[in-house]
Amino acid sequence: MRERLYLRSPRTVAAARQFTRDTLRAWGVADRRDDMLLCVSELATNALRYGVPPGRGYLLRMYGFEDATVRIEVHDGGPGFSRITERPHGQGLTLVAALSDDWGVLARTPGKVVWCEFRRAATWAAAQAAARQTGV
C-alpha cells in the first residue's frame, strides 16, 4: 500500500498522476497504466471540485493485491456522495466506471472514499510472488 496526502490545489492533480505513475513503475505494472492514470485524474479532480473543503486536502491511496488487482482510492472530507450524473460537464465518474473493472463510494467520517479497481494479468501476480520468495 502506498499513499500521499495532497493540499487543496488544482496543481495536485498532476502530482497525483506522477505519484501513481511512480507507484505503478515500482510495482512493475505496465498494463492498463493509462487507464489508471486517467482515473486518478478524474477522482482527484472530483475531490477538488466537490469534496475537499477549504483548508483541507485529499488522500490518494493505492493497493497492489496478490491476485493482481490494483485498487485506487481518493479520500476527501467533504459532504455529499459521489455519483454518475447526466450533466454535460460531470462525466468523470462515467469514465471511471467505463475504464475500471469495478468502482464505488464508501462513507467515512468526515467525507467519503471513491475507489476503483483494475484486475491485471496473472503474470504480475506471479512476478510479485517470485520477488517475495527471493527477497527482492
N, C-alpha and C. Protein backbone atom coordinates (compact mmCIF):
# COMPACT_ATOMS: atom_id res chain seq x y z
N MET A 1 0.86 -1.17 0.00
CA MET A 1 0.00 0.00 0.00
C MET A 1 0.90 1.23 0.00
N ARG A 2 0.54 2.20 -0.81
CA ARG A 2 1.22 3.49 -0.84
C ARG A 2 0.17 4.58 -0.80
N GLU A 3 0.50 5.69 -0.16
CA GLU A 3 -0.46 6.79 -0.07
C GLU A 3 0.27 8.12 -0.02
N ARG A 4 -0.46 9.15 -0.40
CA ARG A 4 0.08 10.51 -0.35
C ARG A 4 -1.08 11.47 -0.13
N LEU A 5 -0.83 12.46 0.71
CA LEU A 5 -1.81 13.49 1.01
C LEU A 5 -1.52 14.72 0.16
N TYR A 6 -2.57 15.31 -0.43
CA TYR A 6 -2.44 16.48 -1.29
C TYR A 6 -3.29 17.62 -0.73
N LEU A 7 -2.74 18.82 -0.82
CA LEU A 7 -3.47 20.01 -0.41
C LEU A 7 -4.51 20.38 -1.46
N ARG A 8 -5.41 21.23 -1.09
CA ARG A 8 -6.49 21.67 -1.99
C ARG A 8 -5.94 22.66 -3.01
N SER A 9 -5.49 22.12 -4.15
CA SER A 9 -4.94 22.94 -5.22
C SER A 9 -5.07 22.18 -6.53
N PRO A 10 -5.48 22.85 -7.61
CA PRO A 10 -5.59 22.17 -8.90
C PRO A 10 -4.27 21.58 -9.38
N ARG A 11 -3.14 22.13 -8.93
CA ARG A 11 -1.84 21.60 -9.34
C ARG A 11 -1.56 20.22 -8.81
N THR A 12 -2.31 19.80 -7.81
CA THR A 12 -2.05 18.48 -7.22
C THR A 12 -2.51 17.33 -8.11
N VAL A 13 -3.37 17.61 -9.08
CA VAL A 13 -3.84 16.54 -9.96
C VAL A 13 -2.65 15.95 -10.74
N ALA A 14 -1.80 16.81 -11.26
CA ALA A 14 -0.60 16.33 -11.97
C ALA A 14 0.33 15.58 -11.01
N ALA A 15 0.47 16.07 -9.80
CA ALA A 15 1.30 15.39 -8.81
C ALA A 15 0.73 14.02 -8.45
N ALA A 16 -0.59 13.92 -8.35
CA ALA A 16 -1.23 12.63 -8.06
C ALA A 16 -1.00 11.64 -9.20
N ARG A 17 -1.07 12.13 -10.44
CA ARG A 17 -0.77 11.25 -11.60
C ARG A 17 0.68 10.78 -11.54
N GLN A 18 1.61 11.67 -11.20
CA GLN A 18 3.02 11.28 -11.13
C GLN A 18 3.26 10.27 -10.02
N PHE A 19 2.63 10.48 -8.87
CA PHE A 19 2.73 9.51 -7.77
C PHE A 19 2.22 8.15 -8.22
N THR A 20 1.11 8.15 -8.94
CA THR A 20 0.54 6.89 -9.46
C THR A 20 1.49 6.25 -10.45
N ARG A 21 2.01 7.04 -11.36
CA ARG A 21 2.97 6.53 -12.36
C ARG A 21 4.18 5.91 -11.66
N ASP A 22 4.73 6.61 -10.66
CA ASP A 22 5.89 6.10 -9.92
C ASP A 22 5.56 4.82 -9.16
N THR A 23 4.39 4.79 -8.55
CA THR A 23 3.97 3.59 -7.81
C THR A 23 3.82 2.40 -8.74
N LEU A 24 3.15 2.60 -9.87
CA LEU A 24 2.96 1.51 -10.82
C LEU A 24 4.30 1.02 -11.36
N ARG A 25 5.21 1.94 -11.61
CA ARG A 25 6.55 1.56 -12.08
C ARG A 25 7.27 0.73 -11.00
N ALA A 26 7.20 1.17 -9.76
CA ALA A 26 7.85 0.45 -8.65
C ALA A 26 7.25 -0.95 -8.48
N TRP A 27 5.96 -1.07 -8.75
CA TRP A 27 5.30 -2.37 -8.62
C TRP A 27 5.45 -3.23 -9.88
N GLY A 28 6.05 -2.70 -10.92
CA GLY A 28 6.22 -3.44 -12.17
C GLY A 28 4.95 -3.55 -12.98
N VAL A 29 4.06 -2.60 -12.83
CA VAL A 29 2.78 -2.60 -13.53
C VAL A 29 2.90 -1.78 -14.81
N ALA A 30 2.68 -2.42 -15.95
CA ALA A 30 2.70 -1.71 -17.23
C ALA A 30 1.34 -1.75 -17.91
N ASP A 31 0.63 -2.87 -17.78
CA ASP A 31 -0.66 -2.97 -18.46
C ASP A 31 -1.71 -2.13 -17.74
N ARG A 32 -2.55 -1.49 -18.51
CA ARG A 32 -3.66 -0.67 -18.05
C ARG A 32 -3.22 0.60 -17.33
N ARG A 33 -1.95 0.93 -17.43
CA ARG A 33 -1.42 2.10 -16.73
C ARG A 33 -2.14 3.39 -17.17
N ASP A 34 -2.35 3.56 -18.47
CA ASP A 34 -3.01 4.80 -18.94
C ASP A 34 -4.42 4.92 -18.39
N ASP A 35 -5.14 3.79 -18.31
CA ASP A 35 -6.49 3.82 -17.74
C ASP A 35 -6.44 4.22 -16.27
N MET A 36 -5.47 3.69 -15.54
CA MET A 36 -5.35 4.02 -14.12
C MET A 36 -5.00 5.49 -13.93
N LEU A 37 -4.10 6.01 -14.77
CA LEU A 37 -3.72 7.42 -14.66
C LEU A 37 -4.90 8.35 -14.95
N LEU A 38 -5.70 8.00 -15.94
CA LEU A 38 -6.87 8.81 -16.24
C LEU A 38 -7.87 8.78 -15.09
N CYS A 39 -8.06 7.62 -14.50
CA CYS A 39 -8.99 7.52 -13.37
C CYS A 39 -8.50 8.32 -12.17
N VAL A 40 -7.19 8.30 -11.90
CA VAL A 40 -6.64 9.12 -10.82
C VAL A 40 -6.93 10.59 -11.11
N SER A 41 -6.72 11.02 -12.35
CA SER A 41 -7.01 12.42 -12.71
C SER A 41 -8.46 12.77 -12.42
N GLU A 42 -9.36 11.90 -12.84
CA GLU A 42 -10.79 12.17 -12.65
C GLU A 42 -11.18 12.18 -11.17
N LEU A 43 -10.68 11.21 -10.41
CA LEU A 43 -11.04 11.14 -8.99
C LEU A 43 -10.45 12.31 -8.21
N ALA A 44 -9.21 12.68 -8.52
CA ALA A 44 -8.60 13.83 -7.84
C ALA A 44 -9.33 15.13 -8.19
N THR A 45 -9.67 15.29 -9.46
CA THR A 45 -10.39 16.48 -9.89
C THR A 45 -11.75 16.56 -9.21
N ASN A 46 -12.45 15.44 -9.14
CA ASN A 46 -13.75 15.44 -8.45
C ASN A 46 -13.60 15.78 -6.98
N ALA A 47 -12.56 15.24 -6.33
CA ALA A 47 -12.34 15.56 -4.92
C ALA A 47 -12.13 17.06 -4.75
N LEU A 48 -11.34 17.65 -5.63
CA LEU A 48 -11.08 19.09 -5.54
C LEU A 48 -12.33 19.92 -5.81
N ARG A 49 -13.10 19.53 -6.81
CA ARG A 49 -14.30 20.30 -7.18
C ARG A 49 -15.43 20.18 -6.17
N TYR A 50 -15.63 18.96 -5.67
CA TYR A 50 -16.84 18.70 -4.90
C TYR A 50 -16.61 18.20 -3.48
N GLY A 51 -15.42 17.75 -3.15
CA GLY A 51 -15.26 17.06 -1.88
C GLY A 51 -14.30 17.63 -0.87
N VAL A 52 -13.39 18.50 -1.27
CA VAL A 52 -12.38 18.98 -0.33
C VAL A 52 -12.75 20.38 0.16
N PRO A 53 -13.10 20.48 1.44
CA PRO A 53 -13.43 21.80 1.99
C PRO A 53 -12.18 22.69 2.03
N PRO A 54 -12.37 24.01 2.06
CA PRO A 54 -11.23 24.92 2.18
C PRO A 54 -10.37 24.57 3.39
N GLY A 55 -9.06 24.64 3.20
CA GLY A 55 -8.13 24.36 4.29
C GLY A 55 -7.84 22.88 4.49
N ARG A 56 -8.42 22.02 3.68
CA ARG A 56 -8.18 20.59 3.80
C ARG A 56 -7.56 20.06 2.53
N GLY A 57 -7.37 18.76 2.48
CA GLY A 57 -6.80 18.12 1.31
C GLY A 57 -7.48 16.80 1.02
N TYR A 58 -6.88 16.02 0.14
CA TYR A 58 -7.39 14.69 -0.17
C TYR A 58 -6.24 13.70 -0.11
N LEU A 59 -6.59 12.46 0.15
CA LEU A 59 -5.61 11.39 0.27
C LEU A 59 -5.76 10.45 -0.92
N LEU A 60 -4.67 10.18 -1.60
CA LEU A 60 -4.64 9.18 -2.66
C LEU A 60 -3.97 7.95 -2.07
N ARG A 61 -4.66 6.83 -2.10
CA ARG A 61 -4.14 5.57 -1.56
C ARG A 61 -4.23 4.51 -2.65
N MET A 62 -3.16 3.73 -2.78
CA MET A 62 -3.10 2.67 -3.80
C MET A 62 -2.73 1.35 -3.14
N TYR A 63 -3.41 0.30 -3.58
CA TYR A 63 -3.13 -1.05 -3.10
C TYR A 63 -2.77 -1.93 -4.30
N GLY A 64 -1.78 -2.77 -4.13
CA GLY A 64 -1.47 -3.80 -5.10
C GLY A 64 -1.69 -5.15 -4.42
N PHE A 65 -2.74 -5.85 -4.83
CA PHE A 65 -3.10 -7.11 -4.18
C PHE A 65 -2.46 -8.30 -4.87
N GLU A 66 -2.32 -9.39 -4.15
CA GLU A 66 -1.68 -10.59 -4.68
C GLU A 66 -2.41 -11.21 -5.86
N ASP A 67 -3.70 -10.94 -5.98
CA ASP A 67 -4.44 -11.50 -7.11
C ASP A 67 -4.31 -10.63 -8.36
N ALA A 68 -3.35 -9.70 -8.34
CA ALA A 68 -3.04 -8.80 -9.46
C ALA A 68 -4.07 -7.69 -9.63
N THR A 69 -4.80 -7.38 -8.59
CA THR A 69 -5.72 -6.25 -8.62
C THR A 69 -5.02 -5.02 -8.09
N VAL A 70 -5.21 -3.90 -8.77
CA VAL A 70 -4.75 -2.60 -8.27
C VAL A 70 -5.99 -1.82 -7.88
N ARG A 71 -5.98 -1.32 -6.65
CA ARG A 71 -7.11 -0.52 -6.15
C ARG A 71 -6.60 0.90 -5.91
N ILE A 72 -7.36 1.85 -6.40
CA ILE A 72 -7.05 3.27 -6.24
C ILE A 72 -8.18 3.89 -5.43
N GLU A 73 -7.82 4.61 -4.38
CA GLU A 73 -8.81 5.28 -3.55
C GLU A 73 -8.46 6.77 -3.42
N VAL A 74 -9.49 7.61 -3.46
CA VAL A 74 -9.33 9.02 -3.16
C VAL A 74 -10.26 9.33 -1.99
N HIS A 75 -9.67 9.76 -0.89
CA HIS A 75 -10.40 10.08 0.33
C HIS A 75 -10.53 11.60 0.43
N ASP A 76 -11.72 12.08 0.71
CA ASP A 76 -11.90 13.51 0.94
C ASP A 76 -12.79 13.72 2.15
N GLY A 77 -12.75 14.90 2.70
CA GLY A 77 -13.50 15.20 3.91
C GLY A 77 -14.76 16.00 3.69
N GLY A 78 -15.18 16.11 2.45
CA GLY A 78 -16.34 16.94 2.15
C GLY A 78 -17.66 16.21 2.26
N PRO A 79 -18.74 16.96 2.28
CA PRO A 79 -20.07 16.37 2.34
C PRO A 79 -20.48 15.80 0.98
N GLY A 80 -21.56 15.10 0.98
CA GLY A 80 -22.11 14.59 -0.27
C GLY A 80 -21.63 13.19 -0.58
N PHE A 81 -22.20 12.66 -1.64
CA PHE A 81 -21.91 11.29 -2.04
C PHE A 81 -21.72 11.29 -3.55
N SER A 82 -20.58 10.85 -4.03
CA SER A 82 -20.29 10.88 -5.47
C SER A 82 -21.20 9.92 -6.22
N ARG A 83 -21.63 10.38 -7.42
CA ARG A 83 -22.49 9.55 -8.26
C ARG A 83 -22.36 10.01 -9.71
N ILE A 84 -22.75 9.14 -10.60
CA ILE A 84 -22.76 9.48 -12.02
C ILE A 84 -23.98 10.35 -12.28
N THR A 85 -23.76 11.45 -13.00
CA THR A 85 -24.87 12.35 -13.32
C THR A 85 -25.00 12.48 -14.82
N GLU A 86 -26.04 13.12 -15.23
CA GLU A 86 -26.29 13.37 -16.65
C GLU A 86 -25.81 14.74 -17.10
N ARG A 87 -25.15 15.47 -16.21
CA ARG A 87 -24.66 16.81 -16.56
C ARG A 87 -23.56 16.69 -17.62
N PRO A 88 -23.52 17.60 -18.59
CA PRO A 88 -22.51 17.51 -19.64
C PRO A 88 -21.09 17.68 -19.13
N HIS A 89 -20.89 18.44 -18.06
CA HIS A 89 -19.54 18.64 -17.54
C HIS A 89 -19.21 17.68 -16.41
N GLY A 90 -20.08 16.75 -16.11
CA GLY A 90 -19.87 15.84 -14.98
C GLY A 90 -19.70 14.40 -15.41
N GLN A 91 -18.77 14.16 -16.32
CA GLN A 91 -18.62 12.80 -16.85
C GLN A 91 -17.41 12.04 -16.28
N GLY A 92 -16.76 12.58 -15.26
CA GLY A 92 -15.58 11.94 -14.69
C GLY A 92 -15.86 10.54 -14.18
N LEU A 93 -16.93 10.37 -13.42
CA LEU A 93 -17.24 9.04 -12.89
C LEU A 93 -17.73 8.09 -13.97
N THR A 94 -18.31 8.64 -15.04
CA THR A 94 -18.68 7.79 -16.18
C THR A 94 -17.42 7.18 -16.79
N LEU A 95 -16.36 7.98 -16.91
CA LEU A 95 -15.08 7.46 -17.40
C LEU A 95 -14.50 6.42 -16.46
N VAL A 96 -14.53 6.70 -15.16
CA VAL A 96 -14.02 5.76 -14.18
C VAL A 96 -14.77 4.43 -14.28
N ALA A 97 -16.09 4.50 -14.39
CA ALA A 97 -16.90 3.29 -14.50
C ALA A 97 -16.58 2.51 -15.77
N ALA A 98 -16.33 3.23 -16.87
CA ALA A 98 -16.05 2.57 -18.15
C ALA A 98 -14.65 1.95 -18.18
N LEU A 99 -13.67 2.58 -17.56
CA LEU A 99 -12.29 2.13 -17.66
C LEU A 99 -11.90 1.10 -16.61
N SER A 100 -12.49 1.19 -15.42
CA SER A 100 -12.12 0.27 -14.34
C SER A 100 -13.00 -0.97 -14.38
N ASP A 101 -12.56 -1.99 -13.65
CA ASP A 101 -13.35 -3.22 -13.56
C ASP A 101 -14.45 -3.11 -12.51
N ASP A 102 -14.24 -2.23 -11.55
CA ASP A 102 -15.23 -2.01 -10.50
C ASP A 102 -14.93 -0.66 -9.87
N TRP A 103 -15.94 -0.03 -9.31
CA TRP A 103 -15.75 1.23 -8.63
C TRP A 103 -16.88 1.42 -7.64
N GLY A 104 -16.70 2.35 -6.73
CA GLY A 104 -17.76 2.61 -5.77
C GLY A 104 -17.40 3.77 -4.86
N VAL A 105 -18.29 4.01 -3.91
CA VAL A 105 -18.14 5.09 -2.94
C VAL A 105 -18.44 4.52 -1.56
N LEU A 106 -17.58 4.85 -0.61
CA LEU A 106 -17.78 4.44 0.77
C LEU A 106 -17.86 5.68 1.64
N ALA A 107 -18.77 5.66 2.60
CA ALA A 107 -18.87 6.77 3.54
C ALA A 107 -17.74 6.66 4.55
N ARG A 108 -17.26 7.80 5.00
CA ARG A 108 -16.30 7.88 6.09
C ARG A 108 -16.60 9.14 6.88
N THR A 109 -16.03 9.27 8.05
CA THR A 109 -16.31 10.44 8.86
C THR A 109 -15.04 11.23 9.05
N PRO A 110 -14.94 12.43 8.54
CA PRO A 110 -15.92 13.05 7.64
C PRO A 110 -15.67 12.63 6.20
N GLY A 111 -16.65 12.81 5.36
CA GLY A 111 -16.49 12.67 3.92
C GLY A 111 -16.77 11.31 3.34
N LYS A 112 -15.91 10.94 2.36
CA LYS A 112 -16.16 9.72 1.59
C LYS A 112 -14.85 9.23 0.97
N VAL A 113 -14.91 8.00 0.47
CA VAL A 113 -13.81 7.40 -0.28
C VAL A 113 -14.40 6.96 -1.62
N VAL A 114 -13.84 7.45 -2.71
CA VAL A 114 -14.24 7.00 -4.04
C VAL A 114 -13.10 6.11 -4.53
N TRP A 115 -13.44 4.90 -4.95
CA TRP A 115 -12.42 3.92 -5.30
C TRP A 115 -12.71 3.28 -6.65
N CYS A 116 -11.66 2.74 -7.25
CA CYS A 116 -11.82 1.94 -8.46
C CYS A 116 -10.76 0.84 -8.45
N GLU A 117 -11.06 -0.26 -9.13
CA GLU A 117 -10.16 -1.41 -9.16
C GLU A 117 -9.92 -1.86 -10.59
N PHE A 118 -8.71 -2.34 -10.79
CA PHE A 118 -8.27 -2.85 -12.08
C PHE A 118 -7.70 -4.25 -11.87
N ARG A 119 -8.29 -5.23 -12.52
CA ARG A 119 -7.75 -6.59 -12.48
C ARG A 119 -6.74 -6.71 -13.59
N ARG A 120 -5.61 -7.28 -13.29
CA ARG A 120 -4.50 -7.30 -14.22
C ARG A 120 -4.12 -8.71 -14.62
N ALA A 121 -3.15 -8.80 -15.49
CA ALA A 121 -2.67 -10.09 -15.99
C ALA A 121 -2.09 -10.91 -14.83
N ALA A 122 -2.31 -12.19 -14.88
CA ALA A 122 -1.84 -13.09 -13.83
C ALA A 122 -0.31 -13.10 -13.74
N THR A 123 0.36 -12.71 -14.81
CA THR A 123 1.83 -12.71 -14.78
C THR A 123 2.36 -11.73 -13.73
N TRP A 124 1.63 -10.64 -13.48
CA TRP A 124 2.06 -9.70 -12.46
C TRP A 124 2.03 -10.36 -11.09
N ALA A 125 0.97 -11.10 -10.81
CA ALA A 125 0.86 -11.78 -9.52
C ALA A 125 1.99 -12.80 -9.37
N ALA A 126 2.30 -13.51 -10.44
CA ALA A 126 3.39 -14.49 -10.39
C ALA A 126 4.73 -13.79 -10.16
N ALA A 127 4.96 -12.66 -10.79
CA ALA A 127 6.21 -11.92 -10.61
C ALA A 127 6.33 -11.39 -9.18
N GLN A 128 5.23 -10.92 -8.61
CA GLN A 128 5.26 -10.44 -7.24
C GLN A 128 5.54 -11.57 -6.25
N ALA A 129 4.93 -12.73 -6.49
CA ALA A 129 5.18 -13.90 -5.64
C ALA A 129 6.64 -14.33 -5.71
N ALA A 130 7.20 -14.33 -6.92
CA ALA A 130 8.61 -14.70 -7.09
C ALA A 130 9.53 -13.70 -6.38
N ALA A 131 9.20 -12.42 -6.46
CA ALA A 131 10.01 -11.41 -5.80
C ALA A 131 9.97 -11.58 -4.28
N ARG A 132 8.82 -11.94 -3.73
CA ARG A 132 8.74 -12.19 -2.29
C ARG A 132 9.58 -13.38 -1.88
N GLN A 133 9.59 -14.42 -2.71
CA GLN A 133 10.37 -15.62 -2.38
C GLN A 133 11.87 -15.36 -2.42
N THR A 134 12.32 -14.51 -3.34
CA THR A 134 13.75 -14.22 -3.46
C THR A 134 14.17 -13.05 -2.57
N GLY A 135 13.20 -12.39 -1.93
CA GLY A 135 13.51 -11.28 -1.07
C GLY A 135 13.79 -9.98 -1.77
N VAL A 136 13.39 -9.84 -3.03
CA VAL A 136 13.63 -8.61 -3.79
C VAL A 136 12.56 -7.60 -3.46
